[in-house]
């Protein structure tokens, strides 16, 4: 009697080998995709670096332009002397560009070049407030602010303007002489006449 025909079967070891092959192929595909993405990412970074050659410098420039520096000074000169001196000092002595000014409002806006960055410009302002100093003289409260440049620039502008006023106007005017206060008048003695006075005494005839 012929032997029964059996269907071919895979050996127990053939399935794990096939699984390992499929797993290796899958890993290779994943690595290929990851490698392609890395290359694309490097290409994108290269193009970004070419578009912005100095991102750190740009960030530093923005930070420097966003810094607000201020200085306050009291000048013992009247505002009608300080205003023209401030205009001449900024425009002539320092060669700054005056952007806007209003004498009634008491402010001056100006642009100034930044050291080492000729393509950029800083913006500054000068505010003048009429007041009096401790001696009672007419004075000006000076408020100077800048949004870039050296940290000492507002102080240097105030010093230069004070020096210019002293050269052109001399020393501040002497303090006004205080008005003497009169001595209080002593009260006068009560009058003997009036409704509160004692009635006169008349002798009987």
C-alpha atoms as a PDB file:
ATOM      1  CA  UNK A   1       0.000   0.000   0.000  1.00  0.00           C
ATOM      2  CA  UNK A   2       1.503   3.324  -1.076  1.00  0.00           C
ATOM      3  CA  UNK A   3       2.615   5.691   1.647  1.00  0.00           C
ATOM      4  CA  UNK A   4       0.457   8.786   2.143  1.00  0.00           C
ATOM      5  CA  UNK A   5       1.733  11.982   0.528  1.00  0.00           C
ATOM      6  CA  UNK A   6       2.433  14.672   3.045  1.00  0.00           C
ATOM      7  CA  UNK A   7       2.422  18.348   2.294  1.00  0.00           C
ATOM      8  CA  UNK A   8       5.848  19.968   2.642  1.00  0.00           C
ATOM      9  CA  UNK A   9       6.335  21.703   5.969  1.00  0.00           C
ATOM     10  CA  UNK A  10       8.761  24.394   6.935  1.00  0.00           C
ATOM     11  CA  UNK A  11      11.442  23.601   9.379  1.00  0.00           C
ATOM     12  CA  UNK A  12      11.027  25.145  12.802  1.00  0.00           C
ATOM     13  CA  UNK A  13      14.063  27.345  12.197  1.00  0.00           C
ATOM     14  CA  UNK A  14      12.910  28.797   8.875  1.00  0.00           C
ATOM     15  CA  UNK A  15      10.261  31.114  10.364  1.00  0.00           C
ATOM     16  CA  UNK A  16      12.573  32.953  12.817  1.00  0.00           C
ATOM     17  CA  UNK A  17      15.124  33.423  10.022  1.00  0.00           C
ATOM     18  CA  UNK A  18      12.470  34.973   7.799  1.00  0.00           C
ATOM     19  CA  UNK A  19      11.312  37.170  10.659  1.00  0.00           C
ATOM     20  CA  UNK A  20      14.842  38.346  11.250  1.00  0.00           C
ATOM     21  CA  UNK A  21      15.229  39.182   7.565  1.00  0.00           C
ATOM     22  CA  UNK A  22      11.995  41.210   7.568  1.00  0.00           C
ATOM     23  CA  UNK A  23      13.018  42.953  10.790  1.00  0.00           C
ATOM     24  CA  UNK A  24      16.450  43.811   9.349  1.00  0.00           C
ATOM     25  CA  UNK A  25      14.850  45.145   6.180  1.00  0.00           C
ATOM     26  CA  UNK A  26      12.432  47.248   8.204  1.00  0.00           C
ATOM     27  CA  UNK A  27      15.231  48.669  10.327  1.00  0.00           C
ATOM     28  CA  UNK A  28      17.215  49.489   7.209  1.00  0.00           C
ATOM     29  CA  UNK A  29      14.220  51.342   5.784  1.00  0.00           C
ATOM     30  CA  UNK A  30      13.754  53.302   8.968  1.00  0.00           C
ATOM     31  CA  UNK A  31      17.423  54.215   9.046  1.00  0.00           C
ATOM     32  CA  UNK A  32      17.200  55.310   5.422  1.00  0.00           C
ATOM     33  CA  UNK A  33      14.250  57.577   6.185  1.00  0.00           C
ATOM     34  CA  UNK A  34      15.922  58.968   9.288  1.00  0.00           C
ATOM     35  CA  UNK A  35      19.136  59.564   7.383  1.00  0.00           C
ATOM     36  CA  UNK A  36      17.232  61.336   4.594  1.00  0.00           C
ATOM     37  CA  UNK A  37      15.487  63.522   7.158  1.00  0.00           C
ATOM     38  CA  UNK A  38      18.804  64.369   8.804  1.00  0.00           C
ATOM     39  CA  UNK A  39      20.278  65.340   5.432  1.00  0.00           C
ATOM     40  CA  UNK A  40      17.215  67.473   4.711  1.00  0.00           C
ATOM     41  CA  UNK A  41      17.456  69.045   8.142  1.00  0.00           C
ATOM     42  CA  UNK A  42      21.115  69.852   7.584  1.00  0.00           C
ATOM     43  CA  UNK A  43      20.238  71.355   4.231  1.00  0.00           C
ATOM     44  CA  UNK A  44      17.543  73.499   5.824  1.00  0.00           C
ATOM     45  CA  UNK A  45      19.980  74.653   8.490  1.00  0.00           C
ATOM     46  CA  UNK A  46      22.546  75.490   5.843  1.00  0.00           C
ATOM     47  CA  UNK A  47      20.044  77.548   3.892  1.00  0.00           C
ATOM     48  CA  UNK A  48      18.935  79.303   7.071  1.00  0.00           C
ATOM     49  CA  UNK A  49      22.533  80.072   7.987  1.00  0.00           C
ATOM     50  CA  UNK A  50      23.072  81.510   4.498  1.00  0.00           C
ATOM     51  CA  UNK A  51      19.941  83.688   4.836  1.00  0.00           C
ATOM     52  CA  UNK A  52      21.007  85.036   8.269  1.00  0.00           C
ATOM     53  CA  UNK A  53      24.827  84.985   8.357  1.00  0.00           C
ATOM     54  CA  UNK A  54      25.044  86.449  11.897  1.00  0.00           C
ATOM     55  CA  UNK A  55      21.944  85.655  13.955  1.00  0.00           C
ATOM     56  CA  UNK A  56      23.739  86.379  17.242  1.00  0.00           C
ATOM     57  CA  UNK A  57      24.785  89.793  15.997  1.00  0.00           C
ATOM     58  CA  UNK A  58      21.212  90.568  14.953  1.00  0.00           C
ATOM     59  CA  UNK A  59      19.898  89.552  18.379  1.00  0.00           C
ATOM     60  CA  UNK A  60      22.515  91.654  20.114  1.00  0.00           C
ATOM     61  CA  UNK A  61      21.633  94.615  17.911  1.00  0.00           C
ATOM     62  CA  UNK A  62      17.939  94.334  18.750  1.00  0.00           C
ATOM     63  CA  UNK A  63      18.720  94.068  22.477  1.00  0.00           C
ATOM     64  CA  UNK A  64      20.994  97.102  22.334  1.00  0.00           C
ATOM     65  CA  UNK A  65      18.399  99.155  20.505  1.00  0.00           C
ATOM     66  CA  UNK A  66      15.733  98.213  23.048  1.00  0.00           C
ATOM     67  CA  UNK A  67      17.679  99.423  26.100  1.00  0.00           C
ATOM     68  CA  UNK A  68      16.458 102.683  27.684  1.00  0.00           C
ATOM     69  CA  UNK A  69      19.061 104.800  29.490  1.00  0.00           C
ATOM     70  CA  UNK A  70      18.088 107.922  31.446  1.00  0.00           C
ATOM     71  CA  UNK A  71      19.743 110.780  33.295  1.00  0.00           C
ATOM     72  CA  UNK A  72      18.223 113.704  35.198  1.00  0.00           C
ATOM     73  CA  UNK A  73      19.875 117.061  35.916  1.00  0.00           C
ATOM     74  CA  UNK A  74      18.762 120.383  37.406  1.00  0.00           C
ATOM     75  CA  UNK A  75      20.191 123.451  35.646  1.00  0.00           C
ATOM     76  CA  UNK A  76      19.893 126.786  37.473  1.00  0.00           C
ATOM     77  CA  UNK A  77      19.193 128.745  34.284  1.00  0.00           C
ATOM     78  CA  UNK A  78      15.818 129.934  32.946  1.00  0.00           C
ATOM     79  CA  UNK A  79      14.206 127.870  30.208  1.00  0.00           C
ATOM     80  CA  UNK A  80      14.570 130.650  27.608  1.00  0.00           C
ATOM     81  CA  UNK A  81      18.364 130.261  27.963  1.00  0.00           C
ATOM     82  CA  UNK A  82      18.500 126.462  28.178  1.00  0.00           C
ATOM     83  CA  UNK A  83      16.303 125.768  25.121  1.00  0.00           C
ATOM     84  CA  UNK A  84      18.454 127.470  22.417  1.00  0.00           C
ATOM     85  CA  UNK A  85      21.640 126.182  24.039  1.00  0.00           C
ATOM     86  CA  UNK A  86      20.288 122.616  23.909  1.00  0.00           C
ATOM     87  CA  UNK A  87      19.382 122.984  20.197  1.00  0.00           C
ATOM     88  CA  UNK A  88      22.852 124.280  19.309  1.00  0.00           C
ATOM     89  CA  UNK A  89      24.627 121.708  21.451  1.00  0.00           C
ATOM     90  CA  UNK A  90      22.857 118.714  19.905  1.00  0.00           C
ATOM     91  CA  UNK A  91      22.910 119.907  16.309  1.00  0.00           C
ATOM     92  CA  UNK A  92      26.255 121.732  16.131  1.00  0.00           C
ATOM     93  CA  UNK A  93      28.511 120.445  18.895  1.00  0.00           C
ATOM     94  CA  UNK A  94      27.491 116.777  18.602  1.00  0.00           C
ATOM     95  CA  UNK A  95      26.263 116.782  14.961  1.00  0.00           C
ATOM     96  CA  UNK A  96      23.092 114.867  15.843  1.00  0.00           C
ATOM     97  CA  UNK A  97      20.067 114.869  13.542  1.00  0.00           C
ATOM     98  CA  UNK A  98      17.083 116.627  15.130  1.00  0.00           C
ATOM     99  CA  UNK A  99      13.978 114.574  14.367  1.00  0.00           C
ATOM    100  CA  UNK A 100      11.340 116.650  16.157  1.00  0.00           C
ATOM    101  CA  UNK A 101      11.115 119.495  18.672  1.00  0.00           C
ATOM    102  CA  UNK A 102       8.428 121.507  20.419  1.00  0.00           C
ATOM    103  CA  UNK A 103       9.388 124.436  22.611  1.00  0.00           C
ATOM    104  CA  UNK A 104       5.953 124.804  24.175  1.00  0.00           C
ATOM    105  CA  UNK A 105       5.858 121.108  25.106  1.00  0.00           C
ATOM    106  CA  UNK A 106       9.548 121.215  26.067  1.00  0.00           C
ATOM    107  CA  UNK A 107      11.020 118.230  24.198  1.00  0.00           C
ATOM    108  CA  UNK A 108      13.644 117.499  21.539  1.00  0.00           C
ATOM    109  CA  UNK A 109      13.989 114.194  19.649  1.00  0.00           C
ATOM    110  CA  UNK A 110      17.285 113.383  17.952  1.00  0.00           C
ATOM    111  CA  UNK A 111      19.084 110.519  16.206  1.00  0.00           C
ATOM    112  CA  UNK A 112      22.743 109.716  16.798  1.00  0.00           C
ATOM    113  CA  UNK A 113      25.166 107.252  15.151  1.00  0.00           C
ATOM    114  CA  UNK A 114      26.154 104.090  16.997  1.00  0.00           C
ATOM    115  CA  UNK A 115      29.850 103.303  17.418  1.00  0.00           C
ATOM    116  CA  UNK A 116      30.921 100.472  15.130  1.00  0.00           C
ATOM    117  CA  UNK A 117      27.483 100.180  13.493  1.00  0.00           C
ATOM    118  CA  UNK A 118      27.190 102.923  10.876  1.00  0.00           C
ATOM    119  CA  UNK A 119      24.082 101.294   9.399  1.00  0.00           C
ATOM    120  CA  UNK A 120      22.162 101.750  12.670  1.00  0.00           C
ATOM    121  CA  UNK A 121      21.122 104.871  14.556  1.00  0.00           C
ATOM    122  CA  UNK A 122      20.006 105.426  18.122  1.00  0.00           C
ATOM    123  CA  UNK A 123      17.104 107.598  19.203  1.00  0.00           C
ATOM    124  CA  UNK A 124      17.331 110.046  22.108  1.00  0.00           C
ATOM    125  CA  UNK A 125      15.145 112.681  23.729  1.00  0.00           C
ATOM    126  CA  UNK A 126      15.664 115.785  25.846  1.00  0.00           C
ATOM    127  CA  UNK A 127      12.828 117.083  28.020  1.00  0.00           C
ATOM    128  CA  UNK A 128      12.922 120.506  29.659  1.00  0.00           C
ATOM    129  CA  UNK A 129      10.608 121.316  32.573  1.00  0.00           C
ATOM    130  CA  UNK A 130      10.612 124.850  33.983  1.00  0.00           C
ATOM    131  CA  UNK A 131      10.943 124.884  37.771  1.00  0.00           C
ATOM    132  CA  UNK A 132      12.909 126.533  40.605  1.00  0.00           C
ATOM    133  CA  UNK A 133      16.004 125.370  42.423  1.00  0.00           C
ATOM    134  CA  UNK A 134      16.447 125.241  46.181  1.00  0.00           C
ATOM    135  CA  UNK A 135      17.480 128.927  46.274  1.00  0.00           C
ATOM    136  CA  UNK A 136      14.371 130.115  44.462  1.00  0.00           C
ATOM    137  CA  UNK A 137      16.073 130.783  41.122  1.00  0.00           C
ATOM    138  CA  UNK A 138      14.412 130.000  37.790  1.00  0.00           C
ATOM    139  CA  UNK A 139      15.723 126.574  36.728  1.00  0.00           C
ATOM    140  CA  UNK A 140      15.123 123.714  34.293  1.00  0.00           C
ATOM    141  CA  UNK A 141      14.686 120.061  35.128  1.00  0.00           C
ATOM    142  CA  UNK A 142      16.548 118.219  32.367  1.00  0.00           C
ATOM    143  CA  UNK A 143      15.501 114.646  31.484  1.00  0.00           C
ATOM    144  CA  UNK A 144      17.723 112.906  28.908  1.00  0.00           C
ATOM    145  CA  UNK A 145      17.088 109.385  27.620  1.00  0.00           C
ATOM    146  CA  UNK A 146      18.570 107.190  24.880  1.00  0.00           C
ATOM    147  CA  UNK A 147      17.579 103.779  23.560  1.00  0.00           C
ATOM    148  CA  UNK A 148      21.058 102.653  22.472  1.00  0.00           C
ATOM    149  CA  UNK A 149      24.712 103.561  22.591  1.00  0.00           C
ATOM    150  CA  UNK A 150      27.084 103.771  25.565  1.00  0.00           C
ATOM    151  CA  UNK A 151      25.590 103.737  29.032  1.00  0.00           C
ATOM    152  CA  UNK A 152      27.254 107.047  29.890  1.00  0.00           C
ATOM    153  CA  UNK A 153      25.797 108.920  26.899  1.00  0.00           C
ATOM    154  CA  UNK A 154      22.832 110.616  28.695  1.00  0.00           C
ATOM    155  CA  UNK A 155      25.165 111.777  31.480  1.00  0.00           C
ATOM    156  CA  UNK A 156      27.710 113.030  28.931  1.00  0.00           C
ATOM    157  CA  UNK A 157      25.016 115.044  27.103  1.00  0.00           C
ATOM    158  CA  UNK A 158      23.905 116.674  30.364  1.00  0.00           C
ATOM    159  CA  UNK A 159      27.498 117.493  31.290  1.00  0.00           C
ATOM    160  CA  UNK A 160      28.198 118.986  27.864  1.00  0.00           C
ATOM    161  CA  UNK A 161      25.053 121.127  27.931  1.00  0.00           C
ATOM    162  CA  UNK A 162      25.820 122.408  31.445  1.00  0.00           C
ATOM    163  CA  UNK A 163      29.350 123.326  30.332  1.00  0.00           C
ATOM    164  CA  UNK A 164      28.039 125.117  27.253  1.00  0.00           C
ATOM    165  CA  UNK A 165      25.584 127.159  29.338  1.00  0.00           C
ATOM    166  CA  UNK A 166      28.367 128.168  31.727  1.00  0.00           C
ATOM    167  CA  UNK A 167      30.606 129.227  28.819  1.00  0.00           C
ATOM    168  CA  UNK A 168      27.870 131.241  27.105  1.00  0.00           C
ATOM    169  CA  UNK A 169      25.922 132.606  30.093  1.00  0.00           C
ATOM    170  CA  UNK A 170      28.453 132.551  32.889  1.00  0.00           C
ATOM    171  CA  UNK A 171      27.587 131.473  36.388  1.00  0.00           C
ATOM    172  CA  UNK A 172      23.927 131.138  37.286  1.00  0.00           C
ATOM    173  CA  UNK A 173      22.269 134.281  38.583  1.00  0.00           C
ATOM    174  CA  UNK A 174      22.621 134.846  42.329  1.00  0.00           C
ATOM    175  CA  UNK A 175      19.725 133.704  44.438  1.00  0.00           C
ATOM    176  CA  UNK A 176      17.037 136.318  44.978  1.00  0.00           C
ATOM    177  CA  UNK A 177      17.294 138.323  48.169  1.00  0.00           C
ATOM    178  CA  UNK A 178      14.677 137.108  50.559  1.00  0.00           C
ATOM    179  CA  UNK A 179      12.075 139.691  51.494  1.00  0.00           C
ATOM    180  CA  UNK A 180      12.433 140.534  55.182  1.00  0.00           C
ATOM    181  CA  UNK A 181       9.469 139.600  57.276  1.00  0.00           C
ATOM    182  CA  UNK A 182       8.282 142.573  59.371  1.00  0.00           C
ATOM    183  CA  UNK A 183       8.109 142.165  63.109  1.00  0.00           C
ATOM    184  CA  UNK A 184       4.656 141.523  64.358  1.00  0.00           C
ATOM    185  CA  UNK A 185       2.939 144.690  65.646  1.00  0.00           C
ATOM    186  CA  UNK A 186       2.297 144.456  69.383  1.00  0.00           C
ATOM    187  CA  UNK A 187      -1.342 144.726  70.310  1.00  0.00           C
ATOM    188  CA  UNK A 188      -2.463 148.197  71.325  1.00  0.00           C
ATOM    189  CA  UNK A 189      -3.776 148.670  74.850  1.00  0.00           C
ATOM    190  CA  UNK A 190      -7.524 148.780  75.187  1.00  0.00           C
ATOM    191  CA  UNK A 191      -9.064 152.208  74.775  1.00  0.00           C
ATOM    192  CA  UNK A 192     -10.686 153.882  77.729  1.00  0.00           C
ATOM    193  CA  UNK A 193     -13.566 154.920  75.548  1.00  0.00           C
ATOM    194  CA  UNK A 194     -16.210 152.592  74.295  1.00  0.00           C
ATOM    195  CA  UNK A 195     -19.111 150.611  75.557  1.00  0.00           C
ATOM    196  CA  UNK A 196     -16.791 148.452  77.657  1.00  0.00           C
ATOM    197  CA  UNK A 197     -15.261 151.432  79.489  1.00  0.00           C
ATOM    198  CA  UNK A 198     -16.331 152.233  82.973  1.00  0.00           C
ATOM    199  CA  UNK A 199     -19.012 154.926  83.126  1.00  0.00           C
ATOM    200  CA  UNK A 200     -17.673 158.323  84.188  1.00  0.00           C
ATOM    201  CA  UNK A 201     -18.163 159.300  87.802  1.00  0.00           C
ATOM    202  CA  UNK A 202     -19.990 162.591  88.321  1.00  0.00           C
ATOM    203  CA  UNK A 203     -19.890 164.401  91.632  1.00  0.00           C
ATOM    204  CA  UNK A 204     -23.257 165.579  92.887  1.00  0.00           C
ATOM    205  CA  UNK A 205     -23.538 169.374  93.126  1.00  0.00           C
END
